[in-house]
Amino acid sequence: MEPKELIRLRLTAAKCRLNVLRMIEAGGHGHIGGAFSAMDIVTALYFYKMRLDPENPRMEERDRFILSAGHKCLAQYAALAERGYFPKEVLDTYGSLGSPIPGHPDMNVGALKDKRYDEIRREFKDYKKAAGPVMTKMIIEVCYLTDDEIKAACG
């Protein structure tokens, strides 16, 4: 790697860390240690290594990043915003009800509430395809769901 590229990545990681601080201040909570410690790796992946296109987020040949350590989700959200996947103003909604960036990454609760079960099934399939043959888990924030919605999510 060229020295200029390394400097660019370090500056990007610093911007992403500022995004983490922004989310923690806006949401009033967050796991700063995990997010900060993962930031250099997440930055290298999102800004140097992975095949991604914020203008075409569902491109078939894109690389997938699966974060199994949910407490580090702030690092992923920060990188996604910095990369242009969503406006940085969304960071100010971190952890609030209805936010697209919840306190812990989980399935699309909004789609469940709207009874868009095909969308949920597609997310499950995409997630499993990206994970390949390894065992996977999906976190469901059931506190926002009715019993029928929980059954639909698990069915």
N, C-alpha and C. Protein backbone atom coordinates (compact mmCIF):
# COMPACT_ATOMS: atom_id res chain seq x y z
N MET A 1 0.85 -1.18 0.00
CA MET A 1 0.00 0.00 0.00
C MET A 1 0.89 1.24 0.00
N GLU A 2 0.51 2.18 -0.82
CA GLU A 2 1.25 3.44 -0.91
C GLU A 2 1.05 4.26 0.37
N PRO A 3 2.07 5.02 0.78
CA PRO A 3 1.93 5.84 1.99
C PRO A 3 0.75 6.81 1.92
N LYS A 4 0.48 7.38 0.76
CA LYS A 4 -0.65 8.31 0.62
C LYS A 4 -1.98 7.60 0.89
N GLU A 5 -2.08 6.36 0.44
CA GLU A 5 -3.31 5.57 0.67
C GLU A 5 -3.49 5.29 2.15
N LEU A 6 -2.41 4.97 2.82
CA LEU A 6 -2.48 4.72 4.26
C LEU A 6 -2.92 5.97 5.01
N ILE A 7 -2.38 7.11 4.63
CA ILE A 7 -2.78 8.38 5.25
C ILE A 7 -4.27 8.64 4.99
N ARG A 8 -4.72 8.41 3.76
CA ARG A 8 -6.15 8.60 3.43
C ARG A 8 -7.03 7.71 4.31
N LEU A 9 -6.63 6.45 4.50
CA LEU A 9 -7.41 5.54 5.32
C LEU A 9 -7.41 5.97 6.79
N ARG A 10 -6.29 6.44 7.28
CA ARG A 10 -6.23 6.91 8.67
C ARG A 10 -7.13 8.13 8.88
N LEU A 11 -7.13 9.04 7.92
CA LEU A 11 -8.01 10.21 8.01
C LEU A 11 -9.48 9.79 7.94
N THR A 12 -9.78 8.84 7.10
CA THR A 12 -11.15 8.34 6.99
C THR A 12 -11.58 7.67 8.28
N ALA A 13 -10.70 6.88 8.88
CA ALA A 13 -11.02 6.24 10.17
C ALA A 13 -11.28 7.30 11.24
N ALA A 14 -10.52 8.39 11.22
CA ALA A 14 -10.74 9.48 12.18
C ALA A 14 -12.12 10.11 11.97
N LYS A 15 -12.50 10.32 10.71
CA LYS A 15 -13.83 10.87 10.42
C LYS A 15 -14.92 9.91 10.91
N CYS A 16 -14.69 8.64 10.71
CA CYS A 16 -15.66 7.64 11.16
C CYS A 16 -15.77 7.63 12.68
N ARG A 17 -14.65 7.79 13.37
CA ARG A 17 -14.70 7.87 14.84
C ARG A 17 -15.50 9.10 15.28
N LEU A 18 -15.38 10.19 14.56
CA LEU A 18 -16.21 11.37 14.87
C LEU A 18 -17.69 11.05 14.65
N ASN A 19 -17.98 10.25 13.62
CA ASN A 19 -19.37 9.81 13.40
C ASN A 19 -19.88 8.98 14.58
N VAL A 20 -19.01 8.15 15.15
CA VAL A 20 -19.39 7.36 16.33
C VAL A 20 -19.72 8.28 17.49
N LEU A 21 -18.89 9.26 17.73
CA LEU A 21 -19.15 10.21 18.82
C LEU A 21 -20.46 10.95 18.58
N ARG A 22 -20.73 11.30 17.34
CA ARG A 22 -21.99 11.96 16.99
C ARG A 22 -23.19 11.09 17.37
N MET A 23 -23.11 9.80 17.04
CA MET A 23 -24.22 8.89 17.36
C MET A 23 -24.40 8.73 18.87
N ILE A 24 -23.29 8.59 19.59
CA ILE A 24 -23.38 8.41 21.04
C ILE A 24 -23.98 9.64 21.69
N GLU A 25 -23.58 10.82 21.23
CA GLU A 25 -24.17 12.04 21.79
C GLU A 25 -25.65 12.14 21.44
N ALA A 26 -26.01 11.83 20.21
CA ALA A 26 -27.41 11.93 19.78
C ALA A 26 -28.29 10.91 20.50
N GLY A 27 -27.79 9.69 20.63
CA GLY A 27 -28.59 8.62 21.22
C GLY A 27 -28.50 8.52 22.72
N GLY A 28 -27.47 9.13 23.30
CA GLY A 28 -27.31 9.07 24.74
C GLY A 28 -26.74 7.75 25.23
N HIS A 29 -26.29 6.90 24.32
CA HIS A 29 -25.70 5.62 24.72
C HIS A 29 -24.90 5.07 23.54
N GLY A 30 -24.14 4.04 23.82
CA GLY A 30 -23.36 3.38 22.78
C GLY A 30 -22.09 2.79 23.34
N HIS A 31 -21.54 1.84 22.64
CA HIS A 31 -20.33 1.14 23.07
C HIS A 31 -19.13 1.72 22.31
N ILE A 32 -18.54 2.74 22.88
CA ILE A 32 -17.46 3.46 22.20
C ILE A 32 -16.22 2.58 22.04
N GLY A 33 -15.87 1.80 23.04
CA GLY A 33 -14.65 1.01 23.00
C GLY A 33 -14.63 0.02 21.84
N GLY A 34 -15.68 -0.74 21.69
CA GLY A 34 -15.75 -1.71 20.61
C GLY A 34 -15.74 -1.05 19.25
N ALA A 35 -16.49 0.04 19.13
CA ALA A 35 -16.56 0.75 17.84
C ALA A 35 -15.20 1.35 17.49
N PHE A 36 -14.56 1.99 18.44
CA PHE A 36 -13.26 2.60 18.16
C PHE A 36 -12.20 1.55 17.85
N SER A 37 -12.22 0.42 18.59
CA SER A 37 -11.20 -0.59 18.35
C SER A 37 -11.37 -1.30 17.02
N ALA A 38 -12.60 -1.37 16.52
CA ALA A 38 -12.86 -2.03 15.24
C ALA A 38 -12.72 -1.08 14.05
N MET A 39 -12.62 0.21 14.30
CA MET A 39 -12.73 1.19 13.23
C MET A 39 -11.66 1.08 12.15
N ASP A 40 -10.43 0.79 12.52
CA ASP A 40 -9.38 0.69 11.50
C ASP A 40 -9.66 -0.46 10.53
N ILE A 41 -10.11 -1.58 11.08
CA ILE A 41 -10.43 -2.74 10.23
C ILE A 41 -11.64 -2.44 9.36
N VAL A 42 -12.69 -1.90 9.97
CA VAL A 42 -13.91 -1.58 9.23
C VAL A 42 -13.60 -0.56 8.12
N THR A 43 -12.79 0.43 8.43
CA THR A 43 -12.41 1.43 7.43
C THR A 43 -11.63 0.79 6.29
N ALA A 44 -10.67 -0.05 6.61
CA ALA A 44 -9.90 -0.72 5.55
C ALA A 44 -10.81 -1.56 4.66
N LEU A 45 -11.79 -2.21 5.25
CA LEU A 45 -12.70 -3.02 4.44
C LEU A 45 -13.59 -2.15 3.56
N TYR A 46 -14.27 -1.17 4.16
CA TYR A 46 -15.25 -0.37 3.41
C TYR A 46 -14.62 0.63 2.44
N PHE A 47 -13.38 1.05 2.70
CA PHE A 47 -12.79 2.10 1.86
C PHE A 47 -11.58 1.64 1.05
N TYR A 48 -11.18 0.39 1.20
CA TYR A 48 -10.01 -0.08 0.47
C TYR A 48 -10.21 -1.46 -0.16
N LYS A 49 -10.77 -2.39 0.58
CA LYS A 49 -10.77 -3.78 0.15
C LYS A 49 -12.06 -4.25 -0.51
N MET A 50 -13.20 -3.93 0.06
CA MET A 50 -14.47 -4.50 -0.40
C MET A 50 -14.95 -3.87 -1.71
N ARG A 51 -15.57 -4.70 -2.54
CA ARG A 51 -16.23 -4.21 -3.76
C ARG A 51 -17.61 -3.72 -3.38
N LEU A 52 -17.79 -2.40 -3.40
CA LEU A 52 -19.04 -1.77 -2.98
C LEU A 52 -19.37 -0.62 -3.91
N ASP A 53 -20.65 -0.27 -3.94
CA ASP A 53 -21.08 0.89 -4.71
C ASP A 53 -22.30 1.49 -4.02
N PRO A 54 -22.12 2.60 -3.29
CA PRO A 54 -23.26 3.22 -2.61
C PRO A 54 -24.40 3.61 -3.57
N GLU A 55 -24.07 3.84 -4.84
CA GLU A 55 -25.10 4.17 -5.83
C GLU A 55 -25.88 2.93 -6.27
N ASN A 56 -25.32 1.76 -6.05
CA ASN A 56 -25.95 0.49 -6.43
C ASN A 56 -25.74 -0.51 -5.29
N PRO A 57 -26.39 -0.29 -4.14
CA PRO A 57 -26.09 -1.09 -2.95
C PRO A 57 -26.47 -2.57 -3.06
N ARG A 58 -27.31 -2.93 -4.01
CA ARG A 58 -27.69 -4.33 -4.16
C ARG A 58 -27.00 -5.02 -5.34
N MET A 59 -25.91 -4.43 -5.83
CA MET A 59 -25.23 -5.04 -6.97
C MET A 59 -24.83 -6.48 -6.60
N GLU A 60 -25.06 -7.37 -7.53
CA GLU A 60 -24.90 -8.80 -7.26
C GLU A 60 -23.47 -9.16 -6.86
N GLU A 61 -22.47 -8.55 -7.50
CA GLU A 61 -21.08 -8.94 -7.26
C GLU A 61 -20.43 -8.19 -6.09
N ARG A 62 -21.24 -7.49 -5.28
CA ARG A 62 -20.69 -6.76 -4.15
C ARG A 62 -20.18 -7.74 -3.08
N ASP A 63 -19.25 -7.26 -2.29
CA ASP A 63 -18.82 -8.01 -1.12
C ASP A 63 -19.80 -7.75 0.01
N ARG A 64 -19.91 -8.71 0.91
CA ARG A 64 -20.81 -8.59 2.06
C ARG A 64 -19.98 -8.53 3.33
N PHE A 65 -20.45 -7.73 4.28
CA PHE A 65 -19.80 -7.63 5.58
C PHE A 65 -20.85 -8.01 6.61
N ILE A 66 -20.58 -9.06 7.36
CA ILE A 66 -21.50 -9.51 8.40
C ILE A 66 -20.83 -9.24 9.74
N LEU A 67 -21.45 -8.41 10.52
CA LEU A 67 -20.93 -8.03 11.83
C LEU A 67 -21.57 -8.91 12.89
N SER A 68 -20.81 -9.80 13.48
CA SER A 68 -21.38 -10.69 14.50
C SER A 68 -21.32 -10.07 15.89
N ALA A 69 -20.50 -9.07 16.08
CA ALA A 69 -20.38 -8.41 17.38
C ALA A 69 -21.28 -7.17 17.36
N GLY A 70 -22.53 -7.35 17.76
CA GLY A 70 -23.52 -6.28 17.67
C GLY A 70 -23.15 -5.01 18.40
N HIS A 71 -22.33 -5.11 19.45
CA HIS A 71 -21.95 -3.91 20.19
C HIS A 71 -20.99 -3.02 19.41
N LYS A 72 -20.49 -3.52 18.29
CA LYS A 72 -19.60 -2.72 17.45
C LYS A 72 -20.33 -2.11 16.25
N CYS A 73 -21.66 -2.17 16.27
CA CYS A 73 -22.44 -1.69 15.13
C CYS A 73 -22.20 -0.22 14.83
N LEU A 74 -21.82 0.57 15.83
CA LEU A 74 -21.54 1.99 15.60
C LEU A 74 -20.43 2.16 14.56
N ALA A 75 -19.44 1.26 14.58
CA ALA A 75 -18.35 1.35 13.60
C ALA A 75 -18.89 1.13 12.18
N GLN A 76 -19.77 0.16 12.03
CA GLN A 76 -20.34 -0.10 10.71
C GLN A 76 -21.24 1.04 10.27
N TYR A 77 -22.10 1.54 11.13
CA TYR A 77 -22.97 2.65 10.77
C TYR A 77 -22.14 3.87 10.36
N ALA A 78 -21.08 4.15 11.14
CA ALA A 78 -20.23 5.31 10.85
C ALA A 78 -19.58 5.18 9.48
N ALA A 79 -19.08 3.99 9.17
CA ALA A 79 -18.45 3.77 7.87
C ALA A 79 -19.46 3.86 6.73
N LEU A 80 -20.63 3.30 6.93
CA LEU A 80 -21.66 3.36 5.88
C LEU A 80 -22.05 4.80 5.58
N ALA A 81 -22.20 5.60 6.62
CA ALA A 81 -22.54 7.02 6.41
C ALA A 81 -21.39 7.75 5.71
N GLU A 82 -20.18 7.50 6.16
CA GLU A 82 -19.02 8.17 5.56
C GLU A 82 -18.84 7.75 4.10
N ARG A 83 -19.18 6.51 3.79
CA ARG A 83 -19.05 6.00 2.41
C ARG A 83 -20.18 6.50 1.51
N GLY A 84 -21.25 7.04 2.11
CA GLY A 84 -22.32 7.61 1.32
C GLY A 84 -23.54 6.73 1.14
N TYR A 85 -23.67 5.70 1.97
CA TYR A 85 -24.83 4.82 1.86
C TYR A 85 -26.10 5.48 2.38
N PHE A 86 -25.96 6.42 3.28
CA PHE A 86 -27.11 7.20 3.75
C PHE A 86 -26.59 8.54 4.26
N PRO A 87 -27.47 9.55 4.32
CA PRO A 87 -27.04 10.89 4.78
C PRO A 87 -26.55 10.84 6.23
N LYS A 88 -25.56 11.63 6.54
CA LYS A 88 -25.01 11.63 7.90
C LYS A 88 -26.03 12.08 8.94
N GLU A 89 -27.06 12.79 8.51
CA GLU A 89 -28.10 13.21 9.46
C GLU A 89 -28.80 12.01 10.09
N VAL A 90 -28.79 10.88 9.40
CA VAL A 90 -29.39 9.65 9.95
C VAL A 90 -28.67 9.23 11.22
N LEU A 91 -27.38 9.55 11.33
CA LEU A 91 -26.62 9.20 12.52
C LEU A 91 -27.24 9.81 13.78
N ASP A 92 -27.91 10.94 13.62
CA ASP A 92 -28.54 11.62 14.76
C ASP A 92 -29.76 10.87 15.28
N THR A 93 -30.22 9.85 14.58
CA THR A 93 -31.38 9.06 15.01
C THR A 93 -30.96 7.76 15.69
N TYR A 94 -29.65 7.55 15.88
CA TYR A 94 -29.14 6.29 16.42
C TYR A 94 -29.89 5.84 17.66
N GLY A 95 -30.36 4.61 17.62
CA GLY A 95 -30.97 3.98 18.78
C GLY A 95 -32.39 4.43 19.10
N SER A 96 -32.94 5.37 18.34
CA SER A 96 -34.30 5.83 18.64
C SER A 96 -35.31 4.93 17.92
N LEU A 97 -36.50 4.89 18.45
CA LEU A 97 -37.56 4.05 17.90
C LEU A 97 -37.81 4.45 16.44
N GLY A 98 -37.79 3.48 15.56
CA GLY A 98 -38.04 3.73 14.15
C GLY A 98 -36.80 4.12 13.35
N SER A 99 -35.66 4.25 14.02
CA SER A 99 -34.43 4.62 13.32
C SER A 99 -33.96 3.46 12.44
N PRO A 100 -33.41 3.78 11.27
CA PRO A 100 -32.84 2.72 10.43
C PRO A 100 -31.53 2.19 10.99
N ILE A 101 -30.98 2.84 12.02
CA ILE A 101 -29.76 2.37 12.66
C ILE A 101 -30.05 2.14 14.15
N PRO A 102 -30.54 0.96 14.48
CA PRO A 102 -30.92 0.66 15.86
C PRO A 102 -29.70 0.47 16.77
N GLY A 103 -29.96 0.40 18.06
CA GLY A 103 -28.89 0.20 19.03
C GLY A 103 -28.12 -1.10 18.82
N HIS A 104 -28.79 -2.09 18.29
CA HIS A 104 -28.16 -3.34 17.89
C HIS A 104 -28.72 -3.68 16.52
N PRO A 105 -27.86 -4.10 15.59
CA PRO A 105 -28.37 -4.45 14.27
C PRO A 105 -29.30 -5.65 14.37
N ASP A 106 -30.39 -5.59 13.67
CA ASP A 106 -31.35 -6.68 13.71
C ASP A 106 -32.11 -6.72 12.39
N MET A 107 -33.07 -7.62 12.32
CA MET A 107 -33.88 -7.69 11.11
C MET A 107 -34.71 -6.43 10.97
N ASN A 108 -35.31 -6.23 9.86
CA ASN A 108 -36.07 -5.04 9.55
C ASN A 108 -37.42 -5.06 10.29
N VAL A 109 -37.43 -4.51 11.50
CA VAL A 109 -38.65 -4.50 12.32
C VAL A 109 -39.75 -3.71 11.63
N GLY A 110 -39.37 -2.63 10.93
CA GLY A 110 -40.38 -1.83 10.22
C GLY A 110 -41.13 -2.65 9.19
N ALA A 111 -40.41 -3.50 8.47
CA ALA A 111 -41.07 -4.36 7.48
C ALA A 111 -42.02 -5.33 8.17
N LEU A 112 -41.63 -5.84 9.33
CA LEU A 112 -42.54 -6.73 10.07
C LEU A 112 -43.80 -5.99 10.51
N LYS A 113 -43.62 -4.78 11.03
CA LYS A 113 -44.77 -4.00 11.49
C LYS A 113 -45.72 -3.67 10.33
N ASP A 114 -45.15 -3.51 9.13
CA ASP A 114 -45.96 -3.21 7.94
C ASP A 114 -46.46 -4.47 7.23
N LYS A 115 -46.15 -5.64 7.82
CA LYS A 115 -46.57 -6.94 7.25
C LYS A 115 -45.98 -7.19 5.86
N ARG A 116 -44.75 -6.70 5.64
CA ARG A 116 -44.05 -6.95 4.38
C ARG A 116 -43.16 -8.17 4.56
N TYR A 117 -43.81 -9.33 4.73
CA TYR A 117 -43.10 -10.55 5.08
C TYR A 117 -42.19 -11.04 3.96
N ASP A 118 -42.54 -10.76 2.70
CA ASP A 118 -41.67 -11.16 1.60
C ASP A 118 -40.31 -10.46 1.70
N GLU A 119 -40.33 -9.20 2.13
CA GLU A 119 -39.09 -8.46 2.31
C GLU A 119 -38.22 -9.10 3.40
N ILE A 120 -38.86 -9.52 4.49
CA ILE A 120 -38.13 -10.18 5.58
C ILE A 120 -37.54 -11.50 5.10
N ARG A 121 -38.33 -12.29 4.38
CA ARG A 121 -37.82 -13.56 3.86
C ARG A 121 -36.63 -13.33 2.92
N ARG A 122 -36.71 -12.27 2.09
CA ARG A 122 -35.60 -11.96 1.19
C ARG A 122 -34.35 -11.59 1.99
N GLU A 123 -34.53 -10.81 3.08
CA GLU A 123 -33.39 -10.45 3.92
C GLU A 123 -32.75 -11.70 4.53
N PHE A 124 -33.59 -12.62 5.01
CA PHE A 124 -33.06 -13.87 5.57
C PHE A 124 -32.25 -14.62 4.52
N LYS A 125 -32.80 -14.73 3.32
CA LYS A 125 -32.11 -15.45 2.25
C LYS A 125 -30.80 -14.77 1.87
N ASP A 126 -30.81 -13.43 1.75
CA ASP A 126 -29.59 -12.69 1.43
C ASP A 126 -28.53 -12.88 2.50
N TYR A 127 -28.97 -12.83 3.74
CA TYR A 127 -28.06 -12.98 4.88
C TYR A 127 -27.43 -14.37 4.86
N LYS A 128 -28.26 -15.39 4.68
CA LYS A 128 -27.77 -16.76 4.66
C LYS A 128 -26.84 -16.99 3.47
N LYS A 129 -27.19 -16.44 2.31
CA LYS A 129 -26.35 -16.59 1.12
C LYS A 129 -24.98 -15.94 1.36
N ALA A 130 -24.98 -14.76 1.96
CA ALA A 130 -23.72 -14.07 2.22
C ALA A 130 -22.87 -14.84 3.23
N ALA A 131 -23.50 -15.49 4.19
CA ALA A 131 -22.77 -16.22 5.23
C ALA A 131 -22.23 -17.55 4.71
N GLY A 132 -22.86 -18.08 3.67
CA GLY A 132 -22.40 -19.36 3.13
C GLY A 132 -22.80 -20.52 4.03
N PRO A 133 -21.92 -21.51 4.15
CA PRO A 133 -22.30 -22.73 4.86
C PRO A 133 -22.19 -22.64 6.38
N VAL A 134 -21.75 -21.50 6.92
CA VAL A 134 -21.58 -21.41 8.37
C VAL A 134 -22.90 -21.15 9.08
N MET A 135 -22.95 -21.51 10.35
CA MET A 135 -24.15 -21.26 11.14
C MET A 135 -24.35 -19.76 11.30
N THR A 136 -25.58 -19.31 11.21
CA THR A 136 -25.86 -17.88 11.34
C THR A 136 -26.94 -17.67 12.40
N LYS A 137 -27.03 -16.44 12.87
CA LYS A 137 -28.11 -16.07 13.79
C LYS A 137 -28.66 -14.73 13.36
N MET A 138 -29.92 -14.52 13.64
CA MET A 138 -30.57 -13.24 13.35
C MET A 138 -31.17 -12.75 14.65
N ILE A 139 -30.89 -11.53 15.01
CA ILE A 139 -31.43 -10.95 16.24
C ILE A 139 -32.75 -10.28 15.92
N ILE A 140 -33.75 -10.57 16.71
CA ILE A 140 -35.07 -9.96 16.54
C ILE A 140 -35.40 -9.18 17.80
N GLU A 141 -35.59 -7.88 17.68
CA GLU A 141 -35.97 -7.05 18.82
C GLU A 141 -37.46 -7.22 19.06
N VAL A 142 -37.83 -8.21 19.86
CA VAL A 142 -39.23 -8.57 20.02
C VAL A 142 -40.02 -7.57 20.87
N CYS A 143 -39.36 -6.67 21.57
CA CYS A 143 -40.10 -5.74 22.42
C CYS A 143 -41.03 -4.83 21.61
N TYR A 144 -40.76 -4.69 20.31
CA TYR A 144 -41.59 -3.84 19.46
C TYR A 144 -42.67 -4.62 18.71
N LEU A 145 -42.70 -5.95 18.88
CA LEU A 145 -43.55 -6.79 18.05
C LEU A 145 -44.68 -7.43 18.83
N THR A 146 -45.78 -7.68 18.14
CA THR A 146 -46.88 -8.45 18.72
C THR A 146 -46.53 -9.93 18.63
N ASP A 147 -47.29 -10.78 19.30
CA ASP A 147 -47.05 -12.22 19.23
C ASP A 147 -47.16 -12.72 17.79
N ASP A 148 -48.13 -12.22 17.04
CA ASP A 148 -48.30 -12.65 15.65
C ASP A 148 -47.09 -12.23 14.79
N GLU A 149 -46.54 -11.05 15.04
CA GLU A 149 -45.37 -10.60 14.29
C GLU A 149 -44.13 -11.43 14.63
N ILE A 150 -44.02 -11.82 15.89
CA ILE A 150 -42.89 -12.68 16.29
C ILE A 150 -43.01 -14.03 15.58
N LYS A 151 -44.20 -14.59 15.54
CA LYS A 151 -44.40 -15.85 14.84
C LYS A 151 -44.07 -15.72 13.36
N ALA A 152 -44.46 -14.62 12.75
CA ALA A 152 -44.18 -14.41 11.33
C ALA A 152 -42.67 -14.30 11.11
N ALA A 153 -41.97 -13.64 12.02
CA ALA A 153 -40.53 -13.48 11.89
C ALA A 153 -39.80 -14.81 12.02
N CYS A 154 -40.32 -15.67 12.86
CA CYS A 154 -39.65 -16.95 13.12
C CYS A 154 -40.12 -18.06 12.18
N GLY A 155 -41.17 -17.80 11.44
CA GLY A 155 -41.74 -18.83 10.54
C GLY A 155 -41.01 -18.90 9.30
